[in-house]
Amino acid sequence: MQTLLCLGNALNQGTARGGAVGFRLDTLLKLTETRARNSRMTLMHYLCKVLADKLPEVLDCSKDLGSLEPPSKMQLKLLVEKMQVITGGFCRVTEEKRFAKKEGRVSNKNIWKGLKKFLCSADNEVKSLISLYNTLGKIVGALAQYFGEDPANCTYEQIILTFLEFARMFNQAIEENTKQLEAEKKVETKFQLFISL
């Protein structure tokens, strides 16, 4: 990301966008839209070329981003809905227990003990679930802010899918650069063979 920022600043030097300290998340998906004069080379291709020359170890970064595939299938909205169903159900059972105790509708002591034990255990699980959800929300918000996005408008799904698409485009550009380099080497070999005749 740092290399991309430096590259953008170099290309935008002398303009209002030149000296940026960060970039928006959707910028990652626009790297294939900016083309060089020959129209084959995009900014993504150039970025991959620079990284291959200067920081080849970074070319594996898309493997790390590939681990986002399983989380990309998770929909935070559905998790919220399920969490609300669970917490709502737990609250109803707790209220029902209080109401039954208050009215003296406790006929079977074993059922009562089992329910009390279940509610104690479930209370800890529900609190843990709420805590995990709140932590996830903070992490997603911090990640959105890190990329200059408004956490209220930048969803978990947008962040994950943007990085997945970036990884796909990054890998495609590396592959195309490799093919282009191989084609240039073949032409050079043929040219050298022709000259030697």
N, C-alpha and C. Protein backbone atom coordinates (compact mmCIF):
# COMPACT_ATOMS: atom_id res chain seq x y z
N MET A 1 0.83 -1.18 0.00
CA MET A 1 0.00 0.00 0.00
C MET A 1 0.88 1.26 0.00
N GLN A 2 1.99 1.16 0.73
CA GLN A 2 2.91 2.30 0.77
C GLN A 2 3.49 2.57 -0.61
N THR A 3 3.83 1.52 -1.33
CA THR A 3 4.37 1.67 -2.68
C THR A 3 3.33 2.30 -3.59
N LEU A 4 2.10 1.88 -3.45
CA LEU A 4 1.01 2.45 -4.25
C LEU A 4 0.84 3.93 -3.95
N LEU A 5 0.90 4.30 -2.69
CA LEU A 5 0.79 5.71 -2.31
C LEU A 5 1.94 6.52 -2.90
N CYS A 6 3.15 6.02 -2.81
CA CYS A 6 4.31 6.71 -3.38
C CYS A 6 4.18 6.85 -4.90
N LEU A 7 3.71 5.80 -5.54
CA LEU A 7 3.52 5.82 -6.99
C LEU A 7 2.48 6.87 -7.37
N GLY A 8 1.38 6.90 -6.65
CA GLY A 8 0.34 7.90 -6.91
C GLY A 8 0.86 9.31 -6.71
N ASN A 9 1.63 9.52 -5.66
CA ASN A 9 2.19 10.86 -5.41
C ASN A 9 3.17 11.25 -6.50
N ALA A 10 3.96 10.30 -6.99
CA ALA A 10 4.91 10.60 -8.07
C ALA A 10 4.16 10.98 -9.35
N LEU A 11 3.10 10.24 -9.66
CA LEU A 11 2.32 10.53 -10.87
C LEU A 11 1.56 11.85 -10.76
N ASN A 12 1.16 12.20 -9.55
CA ASN A 12 0.37 13.42 -9.35
C ASN A 12 1.21 14.60 -8.86
N GLN A 13 2.51 14.47 -8.94
CA GLN A 13 3.40 15.54 -8.47
C GLN A 13 3.07 16.85 -9.18
N GLY A 14 2.99 17.91 -8.42
CA GLY A 14 2.70 19.22 -8.98
C GLY A 14 1.22 19.50 -9.11
N THR A 15 0.37 18.55 -8.71
CA THR A 15 -1.08 18.78 -8.74
C THR A 15 -1.59 18.81 -7.30
N ALA A 16 -2.87 19.10 -7.16
CA ALA A 16 -3.48 19.14 -5.83
C ALA A 16 -3.47 17.77 -5.16
N ARG A 17 -3.42 16.71 -5.98
CA ARG A 17 -3.43 15.35 -5.43
C ARG A 17 -2.04 14.85 -5.11
N GLY A 18 -1.00 15.58 -5.47
CA GLY A 18 0.39 15.17 -5.28
C GLY A 18 0.87 15.10 -3.87
N GLY A 19 1.14 14.83 -2.97
CA GLY A 19 1.53 14.82 -1.58
C GLY A 19 0.50 14.18 -0.68
N ALA A 20 -0.27 13.27 -1.21
CA ALA A 20 -1.30 12.61 -0.41
C ALA A 20 -0.67 11.76 0.70
N VAL A 21 -1.36 11.70 1.81
CA VAL A 21 -0.88 10.87 2.93
C VAL A 21 -1.66 9.56 3.02
N GLY A 22 -2.64 9.41 2.15
CA GLY A 22 -3.45 8.19 2.13
C GLY A 22 -4.31 8.17 0.88
N PHE A 23 -5.08 7.12 0.74
CA PHE A 23 -6.00 7.04 -0.39
C PHE A 23 -7.24 6.27 0.04
N ARG A 24 -8.31 6.49 -0.70
CA ARG A 24 -9.57 5.85 -0.38
C ARG A 24 -9.55 4.40 -0.85
N LEU A 25 -10.33 3.60 -0.22
CA LEU A 25 -10.37 2.17 -0.49
C LEU A 25 -10.75 1.87 -1.93
N ASP A 26 -11.71 2.60 -2.48
CA ASP A 26 -12.14 2.31 -3.85
C ASP A 26 -11.07 2.61 -4.89
N THR A 27 -10.03 3.33 -4.48
CA THR A 27 -8.90 3.60 -5.39
C THR A 27 -8.24 2.30 -5.84
N LEU A 28 -8.24 1.31 -4.98
CA LEU A 28 -7.62 0.03 -5.31
C LEU A 28 -8.26 -0.60 -6.56
N LEU A 29 -9.55 -0.36 -6.74
CA LEU A 29 -10.26 -0.95 -7.87
C LEU A 29 -10.15 -0.10 -9.14
N LYS A 30 -9.60 1.09 -9.02
CA LYS A 30 -9.46 1.97 -10.19
C LYS A 30 -8.09 1.85 -10.85
N LEU A 31 -7.23 1.02 -10.29
CA LEU A 31 -5.87 0.90 -10.82
C LEU A 31 -5.84 0.30 -12.22
N THR A 32 -6.87 -0.45 -12.58
CA THR A 32 -6.91 -1.03 -13.93
C THR A 32 -7.56 -0.07 -14.92
N GLU A 33 -8.11 1.03 -14.45
CA GLU A 33 -8.76 2.00 -15.34
C GLU A 33 -7.78 3.02 -15.89
N THR A 34 -6.71 3.29 -15.16
CA THR A 34 -5.72 4.28 -15.59
C THR A 34 -4.72 3.58 -16.50
N ARG A 35 -4.67 4.03 -17.75
CA ARG A 35 -3.84 3.37 -18.74
C ARG A 35 -2.71 4.27 -19.23
N ALA A 36 -1.63 3.62 -19.67
CA ALA A 36 -0.51 4.34 -20.28
C ALA A 36 -0.88 4.62 -21.74
N ARG A 37 0.00 5.28 -22.43
CA ARG A 37 -0.27 5.62 -23.83
C ARG A 37 -0.48 4.40 -24.71
N ASN A 38 0.24 3.32 -24.43
CA ASN A 38 0.12 2.14 -25.29
C ASN A 38 -1.16 1.34 -25.01
N SER A 39 -1.93 1.75 -24.07
CA SER A 39 -3.22 1.18 -23.66
C SER A 39 -3.15 -0.27 -23.17
N ARG A 40 -2.02 -0.93 -23.29
CA ARG A 40 -1.87 -2.27 -22.71
C ARG A 40 -1.50 -2.17 -21.24
N MET A 41 -0.69 -1.20 -20.92
CA MET A 41 -0.17 -1.05 -19.56
C MET A 41 -1.14 -0.20 -18.74
N THR A 42 -1.65 -0.79 -17.66
CA THR A 42 -2.48 -0.03 -16.72
C THR A 42 -1.61 0.33 -15.51
N LEU A 43 -2.16 1.15 -14.65
CA LEU A 43 -1.43 1.50 -13.43
C LEU A 43 -1.20 0.24 -12.58
N MET A 44 -2.13 -0.69 -12.62
CA MET A 44 -1.96 -1.95 -11.88
C MET A 44 -0.78 -2.73 -12.46
N HIS A 45 -0.68 -2.80 -13.79
CA HIS A 45 0.46 -3.49 -14.42
C HIS A 45 1.78 -2.81 -14.02
N TYR A 46 1.76 -1.48 -14.03
CA TYR A 46 2.97 -0.74 -13.69
C TYR A 46 3.35 -0.98 -12.22
N LEU A 47 2.35 -0.95 -11.35
CA LEU A 47 2.60 -1.21 -9.93
C LEU A 47 3.23 -2.59 -9.75
N CYS A 48 2.69 -3.59 -10.42
CA CYS A 48 3.23 -4.95 -10.31
C CYS A 48 4.65 -5.03 -10.88
N LYS A 49 4.89 -4.28 -11.95
CA LYS A 49 6.23 -4.25 -12.55
C LYS A 49 7.23 -3.62 -11.58
N VAL A 50 6.85 -2.51 -10.97
CA VAL A 50 7.72 -1.83 -10.00
C VAL A 50 7.99 -2.76 -8.82
N LEU A 51 6.94 -3.40 -8.32
CA LEU A 51 7.11 -4.31 -7.19
C LEU A 51 8.00 -5.50 -7.55
N ALA A 52 7.84 -6.02 -8.76
CA ALA A 52 8.67 -7.16 -9.20
C ALA A 52 10.14 -6.75 -9.27
N ASP A 53 10.40 -5.52 -9.68
CA ASP A 53 11.78 -5.03 -9.79
C ASP A 53 12.37 -4.65 -8.43
N LYS A 54 11.60 -3.96 -7.62
CA LYS A 54 12.13 -3.38 -6.37
C LYS A 54 11.84 -4.21 -5.12
N LEU A 55 10.65 -4.79 -5.05
CA LEU A 55 10.23 -5.54 -3.85
C LEU A 55 9.55 -6.85 -4.25
N PRO A 56 10.26 -7.78 -4.86
CA PRO A 56 9.60 -9.00 -5.34
C PRO A 56 8.90 -9.81 -4.25
N GLU A 57 9.37 -9.68 -3.02
CA GLU A 57 8.73 -10.43 -1.93
C GLU A 57 7.30 -9.97 -1.66
N VAL A 58 6.98 -8.75 -2.09
CA VAL A 58 5.64 -8.19 -1.87
C VAL A 58 4.63 -8.79 -2.84
N LEU A 59 5.09 -9.37 -3.93
CA LEU A 59 4.18 -9.93 -4.92
C LEU A 59 3.33 -11.06 -4.35
N ASP A 60 3.73 -11.62 -3.22
CA ASP A 60 2.95 -12.68 -2.58
C ASP A 60 1.83 -12.13 -1.70
N CYS A 61 1.69 -10.82 -1.62
CA CYS A 61 0.68 -10.23 -0.72
C CYS A 61 -0.72 -10.69 -1.06
N SER A 62 -0.97 -10.99 -2.33
CA SER A 62 -2.32 -11.40 -2.71
C SER A 62 -2.68 -12.75 -2.08
N LYS A 63 -1.68 -13.55 -1.72
CA LYS A 63 -1.97 -14.82 -1.03
C LYS A 63 -2.57 -14.53 0.34
N ASP A 64 -2.06 -13.50 1.00
CA ASP A 64 -2.62 -13.11 2.29
C ASP A 64 -4.05 -12.62 2.12
N LEU A 65 -4.26 -11.85 1.06
CA LEU A 65 -5.60 -11.33 0.80
C LEU A 65 -6.56 -12.44 0.39
N GLY A 66 -6.02 -13.51 -0.18
CA GLY A 66 -6.85 -14.65 -0.56
C GLY A 66 -7.51 -15.32 0.63
N SER A 67 -6.93 -15.15 1.81
CA SER A 67 -7.52 -15.73 3.02
C SER A 67 -8.81 -15.01 3.41
N LEU A 68 -9.15 -13.97 2.68
CA LEU A 68 -10.40 -13.25 2.94
C LEU A 68 -11.60 -13.92 2.27
N GLU A 69 -11.35 -14.96 1.49
CA GLU A 69 -12.44 -15.65 0.79
C GLU A 69 -13.51 -16.16 1.76
N PRO A 70 -13.16 -16.95 2.79
CA PRO A 70 -14.21 -17.41 3.71
C PRO A 70 -14.96 -16.27 4.42
N PRO A 71 -14.25 -15.25 4.94
CA PRO A 71 -15.00 -14.16 5.58
C PRO A 71 -15.88 -13.37 4.60
N SER A 72 -15.55 -13.43 3.31
CA SER A 72 -16.36 -12.68 2.34
C SER A 72 -17.76 -13.27 2.20
N LYS A 73 -17.91 -14.52 2.57
CA LYS A 73 -19.21 -15.16 2.49
C LYS A 73 -20.09 -14.83 3.69
N MET A 74 -19.48 -14.27 4.72
CA MET A 74 -20.21 -13.90 5.93
C MET A 74 -20.89 -12.55 5.70
N GLN A 75 -22.16 -12.48 6.04
CA GLN A 75 -22.89 -11.22 5.91
C GLN A 75 -23.19 -10.69 7.31
N LEU A 76 -22.61 -9.55 7.61
CA LEU A 76 -22.74 -8.98 8.94
C LEU A 76 -24.20 -8.71 9.30
N LYS A 77 -24.98 -8.30 8.30
CA LYS A 77 -26.39 -8.01 8.55
C LYS A 77 -27.12 -9.25 9.05
N LEU A 78 -26.82 -10.41 8.45
CA LEU A 78 -27.45 -11.65 8.89
C LEU A 78 -26.99 -12.03 10.29
N LEU A 79 -25.71 -11.78 10.60
CA LEU A 79 -25.22 -12.05 11.95
C LEU A 79 -25.94 -11.20 12.98
N VAL A 80 -26.17 -9.94 12.63
CA VAL A 80 -26.89 -9.04 13.54
C VAL A 80 -28.30 -9.56 13.77
N GLU A 81 -28.96 -9.96 12.69
CA GLU A 81 -30.33 -10.48 12.82
C GLU A 81 -30.36 -11.73 13.70
N LYS A 82 -29.41 -12.64 13.49
CA LYS A 82 -29.36 -13.86 14.30
C LYS A 82 -29.05 -13.53 15.76
N MET A 83 -28.16 -12.57 15.97
CA MET A 83 -27.82 -12.17 17.33
C MET A 83 -29.05 -11.57 18.02
N GLN A 84 -29.82 -10.78 17.29
CA GLN A 84 -31.03 -10.18 17.86
C GLN A 84 -32.06 -11.25 18.21
N VAL A 85 -32.18 -12.27 17.37
CA VAL A 85 -33.10 -13.37 17.65
C VAL A 85 -32.66 -14.10 18.92
N ILE A 86 -31.37 -14.37 19.02
CA ILE A 86 -30.85 -15.09 20.19
C ILE A 86 -31.03 -14.27 21.46
N THR A 87 -30.63 -13.00 21.42
CA THR A 87 -30.75 -12.17 22.63
C THR A 87 -32.22 -11.93 22.98
N GLY A 88 -33.06 -11.75 21.96
CA GLY A 88 -34.49 -11.57 22.22
C GLY A 88 -35.10 -12.81 22.85
N GLY A 89 -34.76 -13.98 22.32
CA GLY A 89 -35.26 -15.24 22.88
C GLY A 89 -34.79 -15.45 24.31
N PHE A 90 -33.53 -15.11 24.55
CA PHE A 90 -32.99 -15.25 25.90
C PHE A 90 -33.73 -14.34 26.87
N CYS A 91 -33.98 -13.11 26.45
CA CYS A 91 -34.70 -12.16 27.32
C CYS A 91 -36.12 -12.66 27.61
N ARG A 92 -36.79 -13.22 26.59
CA ARG A 92 -38.15 -13.74 26.80
C ARG A 92 -38.15 -14.91 27.79
N VAL A 93 -37.19 -15.82 27.66
CA VAL A 93 -37.13 -16.96 28.58
C VAL A 93 -36.84 -16.47 30.00
N THR A 94 -35.95 -15.49 30.13
CA THR A 94 -35.62 -14.94 31.45
C THR A 94 -36.86 -14.28 32.07
N GLU A 95 -37.59 -13.52 31.28
CA GLU A 95 -38.81 -12.87 31.78
C GLU A 95 -39.86 -13.91 32.16
N GLU A 96 -39.99 -14.94 31.35
CA GLU A 96 -40.96 -16.00 31.63
C GLU A 96 -40.62 -16.70 32.95
N LYS A 97 -39.33 -16.90 33.20
CA LYS A 97 -38.89 -17.52 34.45
C LYS A 97 -39.27 -16.64 35.64
N ARG A 98 -38.99 -15.34 35.51
CA ARG A 98 -39.32 -14.41 36.61
C ARG A 98 -40.83 -14.38 36.86
N PHE A 99 -41.58 -14.34 35.76
CA PHE A 99 -43.03 -14.28 35.87
C PHE A 99 -43.57 -15.55 36.53
N ALA A 100 -43.05 -16.71 36.12
CA ALA A 100 -43.50 -17.99 36.68
C ALA A 100 -43.17 -18.07 38.17
N LYS A 101 -42.00 -17.60 38.55
CA LYS A 101 -41.59 -17.63 39.96
C LYS A 101 -42.47 -16.70 40.78
N LYS A 102 -42.75 -15.52 40.22
CA LYS A 102 -43.55 -14.52 40.92
C LYS A 102 -44.97 -15.04 41.16
N GLU A 103 -45.51 -15.74 40.18
CA GLU A 103 -46.89 -16.23 40.30
C GLU A 103 -46.96 -17.60 40.98
N GLY A 104 -45.80 -18.15 41.30
CA GLY A 104 -45.79 -19.43 41.99
C GLY A 104 -46.14 -20.61 41.10
N ARG A 105 -45.84 -20.51 39.80
CA ARG A 105 -46.17 -21.59 38.86
C ARG A 105 -45.02 -22.59 38.73
N VAL A 106 -44.29 -22.78 39.78
CA VAL A 106 -43.16 -23.71 39.74
C VAL A 106 -43.61 -25.01 40.38
N SER A 107 -43.96 -25.98 39.54
CA SER A 107 -44.46 -27.24 40.09
C SER A 107 -43.37 -28.31 40.16
N ASN A 108 -42.50 -28.35 39.19
CA ASN A 108 -41.46 -29.38 39.14
C ASN A 108 -40.11 -28.75 39.46
N LYS A 109 -39.55 -29.12 40.60
CA LYS A 109 -38.28 -28.53 41.06
C LYS A 109 -37.12 -28.88 40.12
N ASN A 110 -37.12 -30.10 39.52
CA ASN A 110 -36.04 -30.50 38.62
C ASN A 110 -36.02 -29.63 37.35
N ILE A 111 -37.20 -29.38 36.82
CA ILE A 111 -37.28 -28.51 35.64
C ILE A 111 -36.78 -27.11 36.00
N TRP A 112 -37.18 -26.65 37.17
CA TRP A 112 -36.77 -25.32 37.63
C TRP A 112 -35.25 -25.23 37.77
N LYS A 113 -34.63 -26.25 38.36
CA LYS A 113 -33.17 -26.26 38.51
C LYS A 113 -32.48 -26.29 37.15
N GLY A 114 -33.01 -27.12 36.24
CA GLY A 114 -32.44 -27.21 34.89
C GLY A 114 -32.54 -25.89 34.15
N LEU A 115 -33.69 -25.23 34.28
CA LEU A 115 -33.88 -23.93 33.62
C LEU A 115 -32.94 -22.89 34.20
N LYS A 116 -32.79 -22.90 35.52
CA LYS A 116 -31.89 -21.95 36.18
C LYS A 116 -30.45 -22.16 35.72
N LYS A 117 -30.03 -23.42 35.63
CA LYS A 117 -28.67 -23.76 35.18
C LYS A 117 -28.48 -23.32 33.72
N PHE A 118 -29.49 -23.61 32.88
CA PHE A 118 -29.41 -23.22 31.47
C PHE A 118 -29.30 -21.70 31.32
N LEU A 119 -30.13 -20.96 32.04
CA LEU A 119 -30.12 -19.50 31.93
C LEU A 119 -28.79 -18.91 32.39
N CYS A 120 -28.20 -19.49 33.41
CA CYS A 120 -26.90 -19.01 33.89
C CYS A 120 -25.84 -19.21 32.81
N SER A 121 -25.83 -20.39 32.21
CA SER A 121 -24.87 -20.70 31.14
C SER A 121 -25.15 -19.85 29.90
N ALA A 122 -26.41 -19.76 29.52
CA ALA A 122 -26.79 -19.00 28.32
C ALA A 122 -26.49 -17.51 28.50
N ASP A 123 -26.63 -17.02 29.72
CA ASP A 123 -26.34 -15.60 29.98
C ASP A 123 -24.89 -15.29 29.62
N ASN A 124 -23.97 -16.16 30.03
CA ASN A 124 -22.56 -15.96 29.70
C ASN A 124 -22.32 -16.02 28.20
N GLU A 125 -22.98 -16.96 27.53
CA GLU A 125 -22.82 -17.11 26.08
C GLU A 125 -23.37 -15.89 25.33
N VAL A 126 -24.51 -15.39 25.76
CA VAL A 126 -25.12 -14.22 25.12
C VAL A 126 -24.22 -12.99 25.32
N LYS A 127 -23.70 -12.83 26.52
CA LYS A 127 -22.79 -11.70 26.78
C LYS A 127 -21.54 -11.81 25.92
N SER A 128 -21.02 -13.02 25.78
CA SER A 128 -19.84 -13.25 24.94
C SER A 128 -20.15 -12.93 23.48
N LEU A 129 -21.31 -13.34 23.01
CA LEU A 129 -21.73 -13.06 21.63
C LEU A 129 -21.83 -11.56 21.39
N ILE A 130 -22.43 -10.84 22.30
CA ILE A 130 -22.56 -9.39 22.17
C ILE A 130 -21.18 -8.73 22.18
N SER A 131 -20.31 -9.20 23.05
CA SER A 131 -18.95 -8.66 23.12
C SER A 131 -18.19 -8.89 21.82
N LEU A 132 -18.30 -10.10 21.25
CA LEU A 132 -17.64 -10.40 19.98
C LEU A 132 -18.16 -9.51 18.86
N TYR A 133 -19.47 -9.32 18.83
CA TYR A 133 -20.06 -8.47 17.80
C TYR A 133 -19.57 -7.03 17.94
N ASN A 134 -19.54 -6.52 19.17
CA ASN A 134 -19.05 -5.15 19.39
C ASN A 134 -17.59 -5.00 19.00
N THR A 135 -16.78 -6.01 19.31
CA THR A 135 -15.36 -5.99 18.92
C THR A 135 -15.22 -5.98 17.41
N LEU A 136 -15.99 -6.82 16.73
CA LEU A 136 -15.95 -6.86 15.27
C LEU A 136 -16.34 -5.51 14.69
N GLY A 137 -17.37 -4.89 15.25
CA GLY A 137 -17.80 -3.57 14.78
C GLY A 137 -16.70 -2.53 14.93
N LYS A 138 -15.98 -2.57 16.06
CA LYS A 138 -14.88 -1.63 16.27
C LYS A 138 -13.75 -1.86 15.28
N ILE A 139 -13.43 -3.12 15.02
CA ILE A 139 -12.35 -3.45 14.08
C ILE A 139 -12.71 -2.98 12.67
N VAL A 140 -13.94 -3.26 12.25
CA VAL A 140 -14.38 -2.84 10.91
C VAL A 140 -14.37 -1.32 10.82
N GLY A 141 -14.83 -0.65 11.85
CA GLY A 141 -14.83 0.82 11.87
C GLY A 141 -13.42 1.38 11.79
N ALA A 142 -12.50 0.78 12.55
CA ALA A 142 -11.10 1.24 12.53
C ALA A 142 -10.47 1.00 11.16
N LEU A 143 -10.78 -0.13 10.54
CA LEU A 143 -10.25 -0.42 9.21
C LEU A 143 -10.78 0.58 8.19
N ALA A 144 -12.06 0.88 8.27
CA ALA A 144 -12.65 1.87 7.36
C ALA A 144 -11.98 3.23 7.55
N GLN A 145 -11.80 3.63 8.79
CA GLN A 145 -11.14 4.91 9.06
C GLN A 145 -9.70 4.92 8.58
N TYR A 146 -9.02 3.79 8.70
CA TYR A 146 -7.63 3.69 8.25
C TYR A 146 -7.54 4.03 6.76
N PHE A 147 -8.55 3.65 6.00
CA PHE A 147 -8.56 3.94 4.57
C PHE A 147 -9.34 5.21 4.25
N GLY A 148 -9.54 6.06 5.25
CA GLY A 148 -10.17 7.35 5.01
C GLY A 148 -11.64 7.27 4.70
N GLU A 149 -12.27 6.19 5.09
CA GLU A 149 -13.69 6.01 4.82
C GLU A 149 -14.49 6.32 6.08
N ASP A 150 -15.74 6.68 5.88
CA ASP A 150 -16.65 6.91 6.99
C ASP A 150 -17.19 5.55 7.44
N PRO A 151 -16.91 5.13 8.67
CA PRO A 151 -17.36 3.82 9.12
C PRO A 151 -18.88 3.62 9.01
N ALA A 152 -19.63 4.70 9.07
CA ALA A 152 -21.08 4.59 8.95
C ALA A 152 -21.51 4.23 7.53
N ASN A 153 -20.69 4.58 6.55
CA ASN A 153 -21.05 4.35 5.15
C ASN A 153 -20.24 3.25 4.48
N CYS A 154 -19.23 2.74 5.14
CA CYS A 154 -18.36 1.71 4.55
C CYS A 154 -18.59 0.41 5.31
N THR A 155 -19.25 -0.53 4.67
CA THR A 155 -19.62 -1.77 5.36
C THR A 155 -18.49 -2.79 5.35
N TYR A 156 -18.63 -3.74 6.22
CA TYR A 156 -17.71 -4.87 6.30
C TYR A 156 -17.60 -5.55 4.94
N GLU A 157 -18.74 -5.79 4.32
CA GLU A 157 -18.77 -6.47 3.03
C GLU A 157 -18.01 -5.68 1.97
N GLN A 158 -18.17 -4.35 1.96
CA GLN A 158 -17.45 -3.51 0.99
C GLN A 158 -15.94 -3.66 1.16
N ILE A 159 -15.49 -3.62 2.38
CA ILE A 159 -14.05 -3.71 2.66
C ILE A 159 -13.50 -5.05 2.18
N ILE A 160 -14.13 -6.13 2.59
CA ILE A 160 -13.65 -7.47 2.25
C ILE A 160 -13.69 -7.69 0.74
N LEU A 161 -14.82 -7.34 0.11
CA LEU A 161 -14.95 -7.57 -1.33
C LEU A 161 -13.99 -6.69 -2.13
N THR A 162 -13.71 -5.49 -1.65
CA THR A 162 -12.74 -4.63 -2.34
C THR A 162 -11.36 -5.27 -2.32
N PHE A 163 -10.96 -5.77 -1.17
CA PHE A 163 -9.64 -6.41 -1.09
C PHE A 163 -9.58 -7.70 -1.91
N LEU A 164 -10.66 -8.46 -1.93
CA LEU A 164 -10.68 -9.67 -2.75
C LEU A 164 -10.56 -9.34 -4.24
N GLU A 165 -11.30 -8.34 -4.68
CA GLU A 165 -11.23 -7.93 -6.09
C GLU A 165 -9.86 -7.36 -6.42
N PHE A 166 -9.28 -6.60 -5.49
CA PHE A 166 -7.93 -6.08 -5.69
C PHE A 166 -6.94 -7.24 -5.86
N ALA A 167 -7.06 -8.25 -5.01
CA ALA A 167 -6.15 -9.41 -5.10
C ALA A 167 -6.30 -10.10 -6.45
N ARG A 168 -7.55 -10.24 -6.92
CA ARG A 168 -7.78 -10.87 -8.23
C ARG A 168 -7.14 -10.05 -9.35
N MET A 169 -7.35 -8.74 -9.33
CA MET A 169 -6.78 -7.87 -10.37
C MET A 169 -5.26 -7.84 -10.28
N PHE A 170 -4.73 -7.84 -9.08
CA PHE A 170 -3.29 -7.84 -8.84
C PHE A 170 -2.66 -9.10 -9.45
N ASN A 171 -3.26 -10.25 -9.15
CA ASN A 171 -2.75 -11.52 -9.69
C ASN A 171 -2.84 -11.55 -11.21
N GLN A 172 -3.93 -11.03 -11.74
CA GLN A 172 -4.10 -11.00 -13.20
C GLN A 172 -3.03 -10.12 -13.84
N ALA A 173 -2.74 -8.98 -13.24
CA ALA A 173 -1.71 -8.09 -13.78
C ALA A 173 -0.33 -8.75 -13.71
N ILE A 174 -0.04 -9.44 -12.64
CA ILE A 174 1.24 -10.16 -12.53
C ILE A 174 1.35 -11.20 -13.64
N GLU A 175 0.27 -11.94 -13.83
CA GLU A 175 0.26 -12.98 -14.87
C GLU A 175 0.44 -12.36 -16.26
N GLU A 176 -0.26 -11.27 -16.53
CA GLU A 176 -0.14 -10.61 -17.83
C GLU A 176 1.26 -10.02 -18.02
N ASN A 177 1.83 -9.45 -16.96
CA ASN A 177 3.20 -8.93 -17.04
C ASN A 177 4.19 -10.06 -17.35
N THR A 178 3.99 -11.20 -16.72
CA THR A 178 4.88 -12.35 -16.95
C THR A 178 4.78 -12.81 -18.40
N LYS A 179 3.56 -12.91 -18.92
CA LYS A 179 3.38 -13.31 -20.32
C LYS A 179 4.01 -12.29 -21.26
N GLN A 180 3.84 -11.01 -20.96
CA GLN A 180 4.42 -9.95 -21.79
C GLN A 180 5.94 -10.05 -21.79
N LEU A 181 6.52 -10.28 -20.63
CA LEU A 181 7.98 -10.42 -20.51
C LEU A 181 8.48 -11.63 -21.30
N GLU A 182 7.76 -12.74 -21.20
CA GLU A 182 8.13 -13.94 -21.97
C GLU A 182 8.04 -13.68 -23.47
N ALA A 183 7.00 -12.98 -23.91
CA ALA A 183 6.84 -12.67 -25.33
C ALA A 183 7.98 -11.77 -25.80
N GLU A 184 8.35 -10.78 -24.97
CA GLU A 184 9.46 -9.89 -25.33
C GLU A 184 10.78 -10.66 -25.41
N LYS A 185 10.97 -11.61 -24.51
CA LYS A 185 12.20 -12.43 -24.55
C LYS A 185 12.25 -13.28 -25.81
N LYS A 186 11.11 -13.83 -26.22
CA LYS A 186 11.07 -14.62 -27.45
C LYS A 186 11.42 -13.76 -28.66
N VAL A 187 10.85 -12.55 -28.70
CA VAL A 187 11.15 -11.64 -29.81
C VAL A 187 12.63 -11.29 -29.80
N GLU A 188 13.17 -11.01 -28.62
CA GLU A 188 14.59 -10.66 -28.50
C GLU A 188 15.47 -11.83 -28.94
N THR A 189 15.11 -13.05 -28.55
CA THR A 189 15.87 -14.23 -28.94
C THR A 189 15.83 -14.41 -30.46
N LYS A 190 14.66 -14.25 -31.04
CA LYS A 190 14.53 -14.37 -32.50
C LYS A 190 15.33 -13.28 -33.19
N PHE A 191 15.29 -12.07 -32.64
CA PHE A 191 16.03 -10.96 -33.23
C PHE A 191 17.53 -11.24 -33.18
N GLN A 192 18.01 -11.71 -32.03
CA GLN A 192 19.44 -12.03 -31.88
C GLN A 192 19.85 -13.15 -32.84
N LEU A 193 18.97 -14.13 -33.01
CA LEU A 193 19.23 -15.22 -33.94
C LEU A 193 19.30 -14.70 -35.38
N PHE A 194 18.40 -13.79 -35.70
CA PHE A 194 18.36 -13.20 -37.03
C PHE A 194 19.62 -12.38 -37.31
N ILE A 195 20.05 -11.60 -36.32
CA ILE A 195 21.25 -10.76 -36.47
C ILE A 195 22.49 -11.64 -36.66
N SER A 196 22.54 -12.75 -35.96
CA SER A 196 23.73 -13.61 -36.03
C SER A 196 23.85 -14.34 -37.37
N LEU A 197 22.79 -14.37 -38.15
CA LEU A 197 22.86 -15.04 -39.46
C LEU A 197 23.57 -14.21 -40.42
